[in-house]
């Protein structure tokens, strides 16, 4: 449990920053595409207090302490598709902006990790080893959030992109099942189907970050 508490201490600020920038990018993209709803709601900011979902935060803490993996979420950014010139395309662009924010953050953490490794060499001091672990977790948390949000199950961001790619009549099916999306995700997790989608995505993205283990 002590090790898990240490991991929680290291990952919690990373998680808060990661979800805040994720949601900020949703709001920024929507604003640039003509929808002022998120800006009016005070979501065009990276301040975690504006994006934090208490349940999502508690789930993250419990998952780290008792399940050994990361799971959590922020409040969804409000979007009004009626403001968009091309609602399906623009909604997909707003949706993909969040995962891309996590990809950008992963590369920033990775660049910092690479620079610190250059300075410390293969035998870092105890203090620098903690810093290296912190930076690695910055990469890993953002990759996890990136891949999870790209799963094409509503209300996850991947479903918005899939809806844009599908014919309109098929995209409507995703809209109809969205109220049950959370339960669908739980069912896919319980049956192992989610892992078959998620693990290959993680492996593909991790290929872009060589030697993440040190």
Protein backbone atom coordinates (compact mmCIF):
# COMPACT_ATOMS: atom_id res chain seq x y z
CA UNK A 1 0.00 0.00 0.00
CA UNK A 2 2.91 2.35 0.73
CA UNK A 3 4.17 1.93 -2.84
CA UNK A 4 0.69 2.67 -4.19
CA UNK A 5 0.44 5.80 -2.05
CA UNK A 6 3.76 6.96 -3.50
CA UNK A 7 2.45 6.31 -7.01
CA UNK A 8 -0.72 8.25 -6.18
CA UNK A 9 1.32 11.21 -4.91
CA UNK A 10 3.29 11.22 -8.16
CA UNK A 11 0.39 10.63 -10.54
CA UNK A 12 -2.31 12.86 -9.04
CA UNK A 13 -0.83 16.20 -10.23
CA UNK A 14 -0.11 14.60 -13.63
CA UNK A 15 -3.71 13.38 -13.86
CA UNK A 16 -5.14 16.79 -12.94
CA UNK A 17 -2.97 18.56 -15.52
CA UNK A 18 -3.68 15.93 -18.17
CA UNK A 19 -7.47 16.05 -17.91
CA UNK A 20 -7.48 19.85 -17.60
CA UNK A 21 -5.50 20.36 -20.80
CA UNK A 22 -7.61 17.67 -22.48
CA UNK A 23 -10.83 19.51 -21.67
CA UNK A 24 -9.30 22.91 -22.42
CA UNK A 25 -8.49 21.72 -25.94
CA UNK A 26 -12.07 20.56 -26.42
CA UNK A 27 -13.24 24.02 -25.38
CA UNK A 28 -10.62 25.79 -27.50
CA UNK A 29 -11.49 23.80 -30.62
CA UNK A 30 -15.23 24.37 -30.15
CA UNK A 31 -14.63 28.10 -29.66
CA UNK A 32 -12.50 28.31 -32.80
CA UNK A 33 -15.21 26.51 -34.77
CA UNK A 34 -17.84 29.03 -33.69
CA UNK A 35 -19.39 27.53 -30.55
CA UNK A 36 -19.01 29.89 -27.55
CA UNK A 37 -20.78 27.53 -25.11
CA UNK A 38 -17.66 26.24 -23.37
CA UNK A 39 -16.13 29.71 -23.14
CA UNK A 40 -19.34 31.09 -21.63
CA UNK A 41 -19.35 28.22 -19.12
CA UNK A 42 -15.82 29.09 -17.99
CA UNK A 43 -14.21 25.99 -19.48
CA UNK A 44 -11.69 27.77 -21.70
CA UNK A 45 -9.00 27.39 -19.05
CA UNK A 46 -6.48 24.85 -17.79
CA UNK A 47 -7.49 25.48 -14.18
CA UNK A 48 -8.35 21.99 -12.81
CA UNK A 49 -11.14 23.40 -10.64
CA UNK A 50 -13.11 24.25 -13.77
CA UNK A 51 -12.90 20.73 -15.15
CA UNK A 52 -12.78 18.45 -12.12
CA UNK A 53 -15.47 15.81 -11.68
CA UNK A 54 -15.47 14.69 -8.02
CA UNK A 55 -16.58 11.17 -8.92
CA UNK A 56 -13.93 10.88 -11.61
CA UNK A 57 -11.28 12.05 -9.14
CA UNK A 58 -12.39 9.58 -6.46
CA UNK A 59 -12.39 6.77 -9.02
CA UNK A 60 -8.85 7.67 -10.01
CA UNK A 61 -7.67 7.59 -6.39
CA UNK A 62 -9.42 4.28 -5.65
CA UNK A 63 -8.15 2.69 -8.86
CA UNK A 64 -4.55 3.63 -8.10
CA UNK A 65 -4.74 2.48 -4.47
CA UNK A 66 -6.75 -0.72 -4.82
CA UNK A 67 -6.84 -1.80 -8.48
CA UNK A 68 -3.32 -1.00 -9.63
CA UNK A 69 -4.34 0.87 -12.78
CA UNK A 70 -5.42 4.35 -13.80
CA UNK A 71 -9.01 5.33 -14.49
CA UNK A 72 -10.70 8.69 -14.04
CA UNK A 73 -12.40 11.49 -15.89
CA UNK A 74 -13.28 15.18 -15.92
CA UNK A 75 -16.56 17.00 -16.51
CA UNK A 76 -17.48 16.92 -20.20
CA UNK A 77 -17.14 20.24 -21.98
CA UNK A 78 -20.56 21.51 -23.13
CA UNK A 79 -20.83 21.70 -26.91
CA UNK A 80 -23.73 23.04 -28.99
CA UNK A 81 -23.50 21.58 -32.49
CA UNK A 82 -26.00 24.13 -33.86
CA UNK A 83 -23.21 26.71 -33.95
CA UNK A 84 -21.07 24.63 -36.30
CA UNK A 85 -21.08 25.12 -40.06
CA UNK A 86 -20.62 21.39 -40.61
CA UNK A 87 -21.94 19.83 -37.39
CA UNK A 88 -20.71 16.24 -37.87
CA UNK A 89 -17.23 17.19 -39.04
CA UNK A 90 -16.76 20.01 -36.54
CA UNK A 91 -17.99 17.92 -33.61
CA UNK A 92 -15.47 15.25 -34.60
CA UNK A 93 -12.70 17.87 -34.70
CA UNK A 94 -13.67 19.13 -31.25
CA UNK A 95 -13.67 15.57 -29.97
CA UNK A 96 -10.27 14.62 -31.40
CA UNK A 97 -8.72 17.76 -29.91
CA UNK A 98 -8.86 16.20 -26.42
CA UNK A 99 -6.88 13.02 -27.20
CA UNK A 100 -4.43 15.08 -29.26
CA UNK A 101 -3.86 17.21 -26.15
CA UNK A 102 -2.85 14.04 -24.32
CA UNK A 103 -0.54 13.03 -27.17
CA UNK A 104 1.14 16.45 -27.05
CA UNK A 105 1.53 16.19 -23.28
CA UNK A 106 2.98 12.69 -23.59
CA UNK A 107 5.65 13.98 -25.95
CA UNK A 108 6.45 16.92 -23.66
CA UNK A 109 6.91 14.57 -20.70
CA UNK A 110 8.96 12.26 -22.94
CA UNK A 111 11.23 15.10 -24.07
CA UNK A 112 11.83 16.11 -20.44
CA UNK A 113 12.54 12.47 -19.56
CA UNK A 114 15.06 12.20 -22.40
CA UNK A 115 16.84 15.39 -21.32
CA UNK A 116 17.07 14.28 -17.69
CA UNK A 117 18.38 10.87 -18.77
CA UNK A 118 21.10 12.62 -20.75
CA UNK A 119 22.14 14.51 -17.62
CA UNK A 120 21.91 11.68 -15.10
CA UNK A 121 23.25 8.83 -17.21
CA UNK A 122 22.46 5.18 -16.40
CA UNK A 123 23.04 5.54 -12.64
CA UNK A 124 20.92 8.41 -11.28
CA UNK A 125 20.88 9.42 -7.64
CA UNK A 126 17.86 8.56 -5.51
CA UNK A 127 16.41 12.03 -5.95
CA UNK A 128 16.87 11.99 -9.71
CA UNK A 129 15.41 8.47 -9.87
CA UNK A 130 12.21 9.88 -8.35
CA UNK A 131 12.23 12.66 -10.94
CA UNK A 132 12.67 10.10 -13.72
CA UNK A 133 9.77 8.01 -12.39
CA UNK A 134 7.62 11.15 -12.24
CA UNK A 135 8.42 11.96 -15.87
CA UNK A 136 7.77 8.37 -17.00
CA UNK A 137 4.41 8.46 -15.27
CA UNK A 138 3.66 11.72 -17.10
CA UNK A 139 4.11 9.88 -20.38
CA UNK A 140 2.20 6.78 -19.29
CA UNK A 141 -0.82 8.58 -17.80
CA UNK A 142 -1.29 10.62 -20.97
CA UNK A 143 -0.94 7.57 -23.22
CA UNK A 144 -3.57 5.78 -21.13
CA UNK A 145 -5.95 8.75 -21.39
CA UNK A 146 -5.24 9.07 -25.12
CA UNK A 147 -6.00 5.44 -25.91
CA UNK A 148 -8.99 5.16 -23.59
CA UNK A 149 -10.66 8.24 -25.05
CA UNK A 150 -10.15 6.96 -28.59
CA UNK A 151 -12.21 3.82 -27.92
CA UNK A 152 -15.22 4.20 -30.26
CA UNK A 153 -17.92 3.81 -27.60
CA UNK A 154 -20.08 6.83 -26.74
CA UNK A 155 -19.60 9.15 -24.98
CA UNK A 156 -15.84 8.67 -25.50
CA UNK A 157 -14.15 10.89 -28.08
CA UNK A 158 -13.46 8.03 -30.45
CA UNK A 159 -17.19 7.54 -30.99
CA UNK A 160 -17.52 11.14 -32.27
CA UNK A 161 -14.84 10.53 -34.86
CA UNK A 162 -16.44 7.22 -35.84
CA UNK A 163 -19.82 8.96 -36.18
CA UNK A 164 -18.28 11.40 -38.64
CA UNK A 165 -16.79 8.59 -40.72
CA UNK A 166 -19.96 6.49 -40.79
CA UNK A 167 -22.99 7.15 -42.99
CA UNK A 168 -25.48 9.41 -41.20
CA UNK A 169 -28.02 6.64 -40.57
CA UNK A 170 -25.37 4.51 -38.86
CA UNK A 171 -24.04 7.46 -36.87
CA UNK A 172 -27.52 7.90 -35.40
CA UNK A 173 -27.17 4.50 -33.74
CA UNK A 174 -24.23 5.84 -31.73
CA UNK A 175 -26.34 8.80 -30.64
CA UNK A 176 -29.14 6.51 -29.47
CA UNK A 177 -26.89 4.27 -27.37
CA UNK A 178 -24.98 7.14 -25.73
CA UNK A 179 -27.20 7.20 -22.59
CA UNK A 180 -26.10 3.61 -21.98
CA UNK A 181 -22.46 4.21 -22.86
CA UNK A 182 -21.10 3.90 -19.32
CA UNK A 183 -22.78 0.53 -18.85
CA UNK A 184 -21.58 -0.64 -22.27
CA UNK A 185 -18.01 0.24 -21.29
CA UNK A 186 -18.38 -1.68 -18.02
CA UNK A 187 -19.77 -4.70 -19.90
CA UNK A 188 -16.93 -4.60 -22.42
CA UNK A 189 -14.46 -4.38 -19.55
CA UNK A 190 -16.05 -7.31 -17.71
CA UNK A 191 -16.13 -9.52 -20.82
CA UNK A 192 -12.55 -8.69 -21.80
CA UNK A 193 -13.59 -7.21 -25.15
CA UNK A 194 -12.41 -3.76 -24.08
CA UNK A 195 -8.93 -5.12 -23.47
CA UNK A 196 -8.79 -6.55 -26.99
CA UNK A 197 -9.43 -3.07 -28.35
CA UNK A 198 -7.42 -1.13 -25.80
CA UNK A 199 -4.23 -3.21 -25.53
CA UNK A 200 -3.32 -3.08 -29.27
CA UNK A 201 -3.91 0.69 -29.21
CA UNK A 202 -1.58 1.01 -26.22
CA UNK A 203 1.07 -1.13 -27.91
CA UNK A 204 0.87 0.97 -31.07
CA UNK A 205 1.22 4.26 -29.21
CA UNK A 206 3.98 2.96 -26.93
CA UNK A 207 5.94 2.07 -30.10
CA UNK A 208 6.15 5.84 -30.64
CA UNK A 209 7.91 6.26 -27.29
CA UNK A 210 10.96 3.95 -27.38
CA UNK A 211 12.83 3.06 -24.21
CA UNK A 212 10.13 4.49 -21.96
CA UNK A 213 11.26 2.06 -19.31
CA UNK A 214 14.61 3.84 -18.97
